[in-house]
Amino acid sequence: MRRLDEARRLVAHALEKTVDEIAPGGALGTQSGWDSLGHMRIVMSLETELDRTLAAHEIIEIKSLADIAALLASHIAIPG
């Protein structure tokens, strides 16, 4: 659940909305503002959060908050 909350926060920030405006089941095409341009803003926010560039297949596979939460959960911080 914690990662889903992080995903909602990230999407809200990227789409310039409040977290309350992001439905827990939000997805590409169903969430207000999550269109093709919104998708790229979400991708850029994710890349900043993960401190890496997403691969093309990762970008294409992002279709919902659950997908974003899974990417956030798979992120392992590497000490620098």
PDB file of N, CA and C in Angstrom:
ATOM      1  N   MET A   1       0.831  -1.203   0.000  1.00  0.00           N
ATOM      2  CA  MET A   1       0.000   0.000   0.000  1.00  0.00           C
ATOM      3  C   MET A   1       0.868   1.257   0.000  1.00  0.00           C
ATOM      4  N   ARG A   2       1.991   1.182   0.685  1.00  0.00           N
ATOM      5  CA  ARG A   2       2.858   2.350   0.770  1.00  0.00           C
ATOM      6  C   ARG A   2       3.352   2.790  -0.613  1.00  0.00           C
ATOM      7  N   ARG A   3       3.708   1.816  -1.450  1.00  0.00           N
ATOM      8  CA  ARG A   3       4.183   2.157  -2.800  1.00  0.00           C
ATOM      9  C   ARG A   3       3.067   2.765  -3.639  1.00  0.00           C
ATOM     10  N   LEU A   4       1.832   2.304  -3.443  1.00  0.00           N
ATOM     11  CA  LEU A   4       0.707   2.884  -4.171  1.00  0.00           C
ATOM     12  C   LEU A   4       0.517   4.339  -3.767  1.00  0.00           C
ATOM     13  N   ASP A   5       0.699   4.644  -2.482  1.00  0.00           N
ATOM     14  CA  ASP A   5       0.624   6.029  -2.025  1.00  0.00           C
ATOM     15  C   ASP A   5       1.726   6.866  -2.654  1.00  0.00           C
ATOM     16  N   GLU A   6       2.935   6.294  -2.767  1.00  0.00           N
ATOM     17  CA  GLU A   6       4.044   6.998  -3.411  1.00  0.00           C
ATOM     18  C   GLU A   6       3.725   7.238  -4.883  1.00  0.00           C
ATOM     19  N   ALA A   7       3.132   6.244  -5.523  1.00  0.00           N
ATOM     20  CA  ALA A   7       2.768   6.374  -6.934  1.00  0.00           C
ATOM     21  C   ALA A   7       1.726   7.479  -7.110  1.00  0.00           C
ATOM     22  N   ARG A   8       0.737   7.530  -6.230  1.00  0.00           N
ATOM     23  CA  ARG A   8      -0.282   8.589  -6.292  1.00  0.00           C
ATOM     24  C   ARG A   8       0.355   9.959  -6.114  1.00  0.00           C
ATOM     25  N   ARG A   9       1.291  10.082  -5.163  1.00  0.00           N
ATOM     26  CA  ARG A   9       1.974  11.353  -4.928  1.00  0.00           C
ATOM     27  C   ARG A   9       2.758  11.771  -6.172  1.00  0.00           C
ATOM     28  N   LEU A  10       3.474  10.836  -6.763  1.00  0.00           N
ATOM     29  CA  LEU A  10       4.286  11.124  -7.943  1.00  0.00           C
ATOM     30  C   LEU A  10       3.405  11.556  -9.114  1.00  0.00           C
ATOM     31  N   VAL A  11       2.317  10.836  -9.341  1.00  0.00           N
ATOM     32  CA  VAL A  11       1.416  11.171 -10.446  1.00  0.00           C
ATOM     33  C   VAL A  11       0.747  12.518 -10.196  1.00  0.00           C
ATOM     34  N   ALA A  12       0.328  12.765  -8.977  1.00  0.00           N
ATOM     35  CA  ALA A  12      -0.289  14.049  -8.645  1.00  0.00           C
ATOM     36  C   ALA A  12       0.668  15.193  -8.943  1.00  0.00           C
ATOM     37  N   HIS A  13       1.907  15.039  -8.537  1.00  0.00           N
ATOM     38  CA  HIS A  13       2.904  16.075  -8.789  1.00  0.00           C
ATOM     39  C   HIS A  13       3.112  16.269 -10.293  1.00  0.00           C
ATOM     40  N   ALA A  14       3.263  15.174 -11.019  1.00  0.00           N
ATOM     41  CA  ALA A  14       3.525  15.247 -12.457  1.00  0.00           C
ATOM     42  C   ALA A  14       2.356  15.877 -13.213  1.00  0.00           C
ATOM     43  N   LEU A  15       1.139  15.608 -12.755  1.00  0.00           N
ATOM     44  CA  LEU A  15      -0.041  16.127 -13.444  1.00  0.00           C
ATOM     45  C   LEU A  15      -0.563  17.422 -12.845  1.00  0.00           C
ATOM     46  N   GLU A  16       0.173  17.952 -11.862  1.00  0.00           N
ATOM     47  CA  GLU A  16      -0.187  19.197 -11.186  1.00  0.00           C
ATOM     48  C   GLU A  16      -1.587  19.120 -10.587  1.00  0.00           C
ATOM     49  N   LYS A  17      -1.815  18.045  -9.832  1.00  0.00           N
ATOM     50  CA  LYS A  17      -3.077  17.819  -9.145  1.00  0.00           C
ATOM     51  C   LYS A  17      -2.790  17.515  -7.683  1.00  0.00           C
ATOM     52  N   THR A  18      -3.828  17.458  -6.875  1.00  0.00           N
ATOM     53  CA  THR A  18      -3.649  17.031  -5.487  1.00  0.00           C
ATOM     54  C   THR A  18      -3.715  15.506  -5.455  1.00  0.00           C
ATOM     55  N   VAL A  19      -3.157  14.919  -4.417  1.00  0.00           N
ATOM     56  CA  VAL A  19      -3.193  13.462  -4.274  1.00  0.00           C
ATOM     57  C   VAL A  19      -4.640  12.979  -4.233  1.00  0.00           C
ATOM     58  N   ASP A  20      -5.520  13.750  -3.601  1.00  0.00           N
ATOM     59  CA  ASP A  20      -6.931  13.363  -3.519  1.00  0.00           C
ATOM     60  C   ASP A  20      -7.598  13.291  -4.894  1.00  0.00           C
ATOM     61  N   GLU A  21      -7.050  13.995  -5.875  1.00  0.00           N
ATOM     62  CA  GLU A  21      -7.616  13.969  -7.226  1.00  0.00           C
ATOM     63  C   GLU A  21      -7.162  12.744  -8.026  1.00  0.00           C
ATOM     64  N   ILE A  22      -6.215  11.991  -7.477  1.00  0.00           N
ATOM     65  CA  ILE A  22      -5.694  10.807  -8.153  1.00  0.00           C
ATOM     66  C   ILE A  22      -6.359   9.579  -7.551  1.00  0.00           C
ATOM     67  N   ALA A  23      -7.192   8.930  -8.342  1.00  0.00           N
ATOM     68  CA  ALA A  23      -7.910   7.746  -7.872  1.00  0.00           C
ATOM     69  C   ALA A  23      -6.931   6.601  -7.625  1.00  0.00           C
ATOM     70  N   PRO A  24      -7.118   5.842  -6.534  1.00  0.00           N
ATOM     71  CA  PRO A  24      -6.221   4.711  -6.254  1.00  0.00           C
ATOM     72  C   PRO A  24      -6.126   3.719  -7.415  1.00  0.00           C
ATOM     73  N   GLY A  25      -7.161   3.637  -8.223  1.00  0.00           N
ATOM     74  CA  GLY A  25      -7.137   2.755  -9.388  1.00  0.00           C
ATOM     75  C   GLY A  25      -6.858   3.500 -10.674  1.00  0.00           C
ATOM     76  N   GLY A  26      -6.270   4.685 -10.557  1.00  0.00           N
ATOM     77  CA  GLY A  26      -6.015   5.536 -11.719  1.00  0.00           C
ATOM     78  C   GLY A  26      -5.174   4.849 -12.778  1.00  0.00           C
ATOM     79  N   ALA A  27      -5.489   5.182 -14.028  1.00  0.00           N
ATOM     80  CA  ALA A  27      -4.773   4.565 -15.135  1.00  0.00           C
ATOM     81  C   ALA A  27      -4.730   5.508 -16.328  1.00  0.00           C
ATOM     82  N   LEU A  28      -3.849   5.220 -17.237  1.00  0.00           N
ATOM     83  CA  LEU A  28      -3.706   5.967 -18.480  1.00  0.00           C
ATOM     84  C   LEU A  28      -5.057   5.984 -19.189  1.00  0.00           C
ATOM     85  N   GLY A  29      -5.523   7.170 -19.525  1.00  0.00           N
ATOM     86  CA  GLY A  29      -6.778   7.309 -20.245  1.00  0.00           C
ATOM     87  C   GLY A  29      -8.012   7.382 -19.367  1.00  0.00           C
ATOM     88  N   THR A  30      -7.905   6.992 -18.091  1.00  0.00           N
ATOM     89  CA  THR A  30      -9.062   7.062 -17.202  1.00  0.00           C
ATOM     90  C   THR A  30      -8.904   8.141 -16.151  1.00  0.00           C
ATOM     91  N   GLN A  31      -7.668   8.526 -15.880  1.00  0.00           N
ATOM     92  CA  GLN A  31      -7.372   9.551 -14.884  1.00  0.00           C
ATOM     93  C   GLN A  31      -7.282  10.899 -15.587  1.00  0.00           C
ATOM     94  N   SER A  32      -7.997  11.888 -15.078  1.00  0.00           N
ATOM     95  CA  SER A  32      -7.966  13.222 -15.660  1.00  0.00           C
ATOM     96  C   SER A  32      -6.519  13.725 -15.764  1.00  0.00           C
ATOM     97  N   GLY A  33      -6.129  14.127 -16.966  1.00  0.00           N
ATOM     98  CA  GLY A  33      -4.799  14.657 -17.194  1.00  0.00           C
ATOM     99  C   GLY A  33      -3.780  13.612 -17.603  1.00  0.00           C
ATOM    100  N   TRP A  34      -4.128  12.322 -17.451  1.00  0.00           N
ATOM    101  CA  TRP A  34      -3.179  11.262 -17.817  1.00  0.00           C
ATOM    102  C   TRP A  34      -3.426  10.869 -19.265  1.00  0.00           C
ATOM    103  N   ASP A  35      -2.977  11.756 -20.149  1.00  0.00           N
ATOM    104  CA  ASP A  35      -3.038  11.528 -21.582  1.00  0.00           C
ATOM    105  C   ASP A  35      -1.603  11.328 -22.058  1.00  0.00           C
ATOM    106  N   SER A  36      -1.329  11.454 -23.336  1.00  0.00           N
ATOM    107  CA  SER A  36       0.029  11.199 -23.829  1.00  0.00           C
ATOM    108  C   SER A  36       1.034  12.189 -23.252  1.00  0.00           C
ATOM    109  N   LEU A  37       0.668  13.448 -23.154  1.00  0.00           N
ATOM    110  CA  LEU A  37       1.580  14.440 -22.567  1.00  0.00           C
ATOM    111  C   LEU A  37       1.742  14.194 -21.071  1.00  0.00           C
ATOM    112  N   GLY A  38       0.645  13.914 -20.393  1.00  0.00           N
ATOM    113  CA  GLY A  38       0.709  13.597 -18.969  1.00  0.00           C
ATOM    114  C   GLY A  38       1.566  12.367 -18.721  1.00  0.00           C
ATOM    115  N   HIS A  39       1.470  11.401 -19.616  1.00  0.00           N
ATOM    116  CA  HIS A  39       2.264  10.175 -19.480  1.00  0.00           C
ATOM    117  C   HIS A  39       3.755  10.498 -19.502  1.00  0.00           C
ATOM    118  N   MET A  40       4.156  11.367 -20.412  1.00  0.00           N
ATOM    119  CA  MET A  40       5.581  11.731 -20.491  1.00  0.00           C
ATOM    120  C   MET A  40       6.016  12.510 -19.248  1.00  0.00           C
ATOM    121  N   ARG A  41       5.126  13.316 -18.694  1.00  0.00           N
ATOM    122  CA  ARG A  41       5.453  14.032 -17.451  1.00  0.00           C
ATOM    123  C   ARG A  41       5.615  13.040 -16.303  1.00  0.00           C
ATOM    124  N   ILE A  42       4.774  12.018 -16.279  1.00  0.00           N
ATOM    125  CA  ILE A  42       4.892  10.975 -15.258  1.00  0.00           C
ATOM    126  C   ILE A  42       6.210  10.222 -15.434  1.00  0.00           C
ATOM    127  N   VAL A  43       6.560   9.900 -16.671  1.00  0.00           N
ATOM    128  CA  VAL A  43       7.823   9.202 -16.956  1.00  0.00           C
ATOM    129  C   VAL A  43       9.008  10.032 -16.469  1.00  0.00           C
ATOM    130  N   MET A  44       8.994  11.325 -16.759  1.00  0.00           N
ATOM    131  CA  MET A  44      10.103  12.181 -16.318  1.00  0.00           C
ATOM    132  C   MET A  44      10.185  12.223 -14.793  1.00  0.00           C
ATOM    133  N   SER A  45       9.048  12.274 -14.132  1.00  0.00           N
ATOM    134  CA  SER A  45       9.036  12.274 -12.665  1.00  0.00           C
ATOM    135  C   SER A  45       9.561  10.951 -12.121  1.00  0.00           C
ATOM    136  N   LEU A  46       9.158   9.858 -12.753  1.00  0.00           N
ATOM    137  CA  LEU A  46       9.650   8.545 -12.334  1.00  0.00           C
ATOM    138  C   LEU A  46      11.159   8.438 -12.514  1.00  0.00           C
ATOM    139  N   GLU A  47      11.655   8.917 -13.638  1.00  0.00           N
ATOM    140  CA  GLU A  47      13.096   8.867 -13.891  1.00  0.00           C
ATOM    141  C   GLU A  47      13.857   9.676 -12.847  1.00  0.00           C
ATOM    142  N   THR A  48      13.316  10.804 -12.460  1.00  0.00           N
ATOM    143  CA  THR A  48      13.948  11.607 -11.412  1.00  0.00           C
ATOM    144  C   THR A  48      13.921  10.858 -10.083  1.00  0.00           C
ATOM    145  N   GLU A  49      12.768  10.286  -9.759  1.00  0.00           N
ATOM    146  CA  GLU A  49      12.618   9.549  -8.497  1.00  0.00           C
ATOM    147  C   GLU A  49      13.553   8.342  -8.434  1.00  0.00           C
ATOM    148  N   LEU A  50      13.677   7.623  -9.547  1.00  0.00           N
ATOM    149  CA  LEU A  50      14.500   6.416  -9.586  1.00  0.00           C
ATOM    150  C   LEU A  50      15.965   6.719  -9.887  1.00  0.00           C
ATOM    151  N   ASP A  51      16.252   7.949 -10.289  1.00  0.00           N
ATOM    152  CA  ASP A  51      17.597   8.379 -10.650  1.00  0.00           C
ATOM    153  C   ASP A  51      18.188   7.513 -11.761  1.00  0.00           C
ATOM    154  N   ARG A  52      17.346   7.236 -12.749  1.00  0.00           N
ATOM    155  CA  ARG A  52      17.804   6.492 -13.924  1.00  0.00           C
ATOM    156  C   ARG A  52      16.835   6.729 -15.072  1.00  0.00           C
ATOM    157  N   THR A  53      17.286   6.450 -16.270  1.00  0.00           N
ATOM    158  CA  THR A  53      16.445   6.545 -17.444  1.00  0.00           C
ATOM    159  C   THR A  53      15.663   5.245 -17.594  1.00  0.00           C
ATOM    160  N   LEU A  54      14.376   5.371 -17.832  1.00  0.00           N
ATOM    161  CA  LEU A  54      13.566   4.174 -18.052  1.00  0.00           C
ATOM    162  C   LEU A  54      13.787   3.648 -19.461  1.00  0.00           C
ATOM    163  N   ALA A  55      13.790   2.335 -19.593  1.00  0.00           N
ATOM    164  CA  ALA A  55      13.895   1.711 -20.910  1.00  0.00           C
ATOM    165  C   ALA A  55      12.569   1.889 -21.648  1.00  0.00           C
ATOM    166  N   ALA A  56      12.628   1.843 -22.961  1.00  0.00           N
ATOM    167  CA  ALA A  56      11.423   2.029 -23.780  1.00  0.00           C
ATOM    168  C   ALA A  56      10.325   1.051 -23.378  1.00  0.00           C
ATOM    169  N   HIS A  57      10.678  -0.207 -23.137  1.00  0.00           N
ATOM    170  CA  HIS A  57       9.652  -1.188 -22.771  1.00  0.00           C
ATOM    171  C   HIS A  57       9.019  -0.861 -21.423  1.00  0.00           C
ATOM    172  N   GLU A  58       9.784  -0.259 -20.502  1.00  0.00           N
ATOM    173  CA  GLU A  58       9.227   0.138 -19.210  1.00  0.00           C
ATOM    174  C   GLU A  58       8.213   1.263 -19.387  1.00  0.00           C
ATOM    175  N   ILE A  59       8.542   2.216 -20.242  1.00  0.00           N
ATOM    176  CA  ILE A  59       7.648   3.352 -20.493  1.00  0.00           C
ATOM    177  C   ILE A  59       6.339   2.857 -21.095  1.00  0.00           C
ATOM    178  N   ILE A  60       6.430   1.952 -22.043  1.00  0.00           N
ATOM    179  CA  ILE A  60       5.241   1.413 -22.703  1.00  0.00           C
ATOM    180  C   ILE A  60       4.383   0.609 -21.738  1.00  0.00           C
ATOM    181  N   GLU A  61       5.023  -0.081 -20.792  1.00  0.00           N
ATOM    182  CA  GLU A  61       4.298  -0.949 -19.858  1.00  0.00           C
ATOM    183  C   GLU A  61       3.591  -0.178 -18.743  1.00  0.00           C
ATOM    184  N   ILE A  62       3.906   1.101 -18.565  1.00  0.00           N
ATOM    185  CA  ILE A  62       3.251   1.900 -17.518  1.00  0.00           C
ATOM    186  C   ILE A  62       1.850   2.268 -17.998  1.00  0.00           C
ATOM    187  N   LYS A  63       0.862   1.643 -17.363  1.00  0.00           N
ATOM    188  CA  LYS A  63      -0.524   1.904 -17.749  1.00  0.00           C
ATOM    189  C   LYS A  63      -1.406   2.226 -16.555  1.00  0.00           C
ATOM    190  N   SER A  64      -0.854   2.074 -15.336  1.00  0.00           N
ATOM    191  CA  SER A  64      -1.678   2.290 -14.142  1.00  0.00           C
ATOM    192  C   SER A  64      -0.801   2.680 -12.954  1.00  0.00           C
ATOM    193  N   LEU A  65      -1.465   3.103 -11.899  1.00  0.00           N
ATOM    194  CA  LEU A  65      -0.741   3.392 -10.656  1.00  0.00           C
ATOM    195  C   LEU A  65      -0.058   2.141 -10.132  1.00  0.00           C
ATOM    196  N   ALA A  66      -0.693   0.991 -10.315  1.00  0.00           N
ATOM    197  CA  ALA A  66      -0.085  -0.267  -9.866  1.00  0.00           C
ATOM    198  C   ALA A  66       1.237  -0.516 -10.594  1.00  0.00           C
ATOM    199  N   ASP A  67       1.303  -0.187 -11.875  1.00  0.00           N
ATOM    200  CA  ASP A  67       2.547  -0.345 -12.637  1.00  0.00           C
ATOM    201  C   ASP A  67       3.636   0.576 -12.096  1.00  0.00           C
ATOM    202  N   ILE A  68       3.250   1.794 -11.764  1.00  0.00           N
ATOM    203  CA  ILE A  68       4.202   2.758 -11.203  1.00  0.00           C
ATOM    204  C   ILE A  68       4.674   2.283  -9.831  1.00  0.00           C
ATOM    205  N   ALA A  69       3.744   1.801  -9.019  1.00  0.00           N
ATOM    206  CA  ALA A  69       4.089   1.287  -7.690  1.00  0.00           C
ATOM    207  C   ALA A  69       5.063   0.120  -7.810  1.00  0.00           C
ATOM    208  N   ALA A  70       4.863  -0.745  -8.799  1.00  0.00           N
ATOM    209  CA  ALA A  70       5.762  -1.880  -8.998  1.00  0.00           C
ATOM    210  C   ALA A  70       7.165  -1.408  -9.368  1.00  0.00           C
ATOM    211  N   LEU A  71       7.256  -0.390 -10.222  1.00  0.00           N
ATOM    212  CA  LEU A  71       8.568   0.165 -10.570  1.00  0.00           C
ATOM    213  C   LEU A  71       9.248   0.763  -9.338  1.00  0.00           C
ATOM    214  N   LEU A  72       8.482   1.473  -8.534  1.00  0.00           N
ATOM    215  CA  LEU A  72       9.042   2.064  -7.318  1.00  0.00           C
ATOM    216  C   LEU A  72       9.504   0.970  -6.359  1.00  0.00           C
ATOM    217  N   ALA A  73       8.749  -0.099  -6.255  1.00  0.00           N
ATOM    218  CA  ALA A  73       9.104  -1.199  -5.352  1.00  0.00           C
ATOM    219  C   ALA A  73      10.342  -1.939  -5.817  1.00  0.00           C
ATOM    220  N   SER A  74      10.546  -1.993  -7.121  1.00  0.00           N
ATOM    221  CA  SER A  74      11.700  -2.716  -7.645  1.00  0.00           C
ATOM    222  C   SER A  74      12.993  -1.911  -7.588  1.00  0.00           C
ATOM    223  N   HIS A  75      12.863  -0.622  -7.281  1.00  0.00           N
ATOM    224  CA  HIS A  75      14.026   0.257  -7.222  1.00  0.00           C
ATOM    225  C   HIS A  75      14.870  -0.063  -5.993  1.00  0.00           C
ATOM    226  N   ILE A  76      16.123  -0.350  -6.230  1.00  0.00           N
ATOM    227  CA  ILE A  76      17.052  -0.615  -5.123  1.00  0.00           C
ATOM    228  C   ILE A  76      18.094   0.488  -5.135  1.00  0.00           C
ATOM    229  N   ALA A  77      18.151   1.220  -4.047  1.00  0.00           N
ATOM    230  CA  ALA A  77      19.133   2.306  -3.958  1.00  0.00           C
ATOM    231  C   ALA A  77      20.525   1.724  -3.882  1.00  0.00           C
ATOM    232  N   ILE A  78      21.405   2.232  -4.709  1.00  0.00           N
ATOM    233  CA  ILE A  78      22.793   1.804  -4.704  1.00  0.00           C
ATOM    234  C   ILE A  78      23.605   2.926  -4.063  1.00  0.00           C
ATOM    235  N   PRO A  79      24.295   2.634  -2.959  1.00  0.00           N
ATOM    236  CA  PRO A  79      25.079   3.675  -2.297  1.00  0.00           C
ATOM    237  C   PRO A  79      26.086   4.288  -3.248  1.00  0.00           C
ATOM    238  N   GLY A  80      26.181   5.596  -3.216  1.00  0.00           N
ATOM    239  CA  GLY A  80      27.096   6.250  -4.153  1.00  0.00           C
ATOM    240  C   GLY A  80      28.154   6.925  -3.427  1.00  0.00           C
TER     241      GLY A  80
END
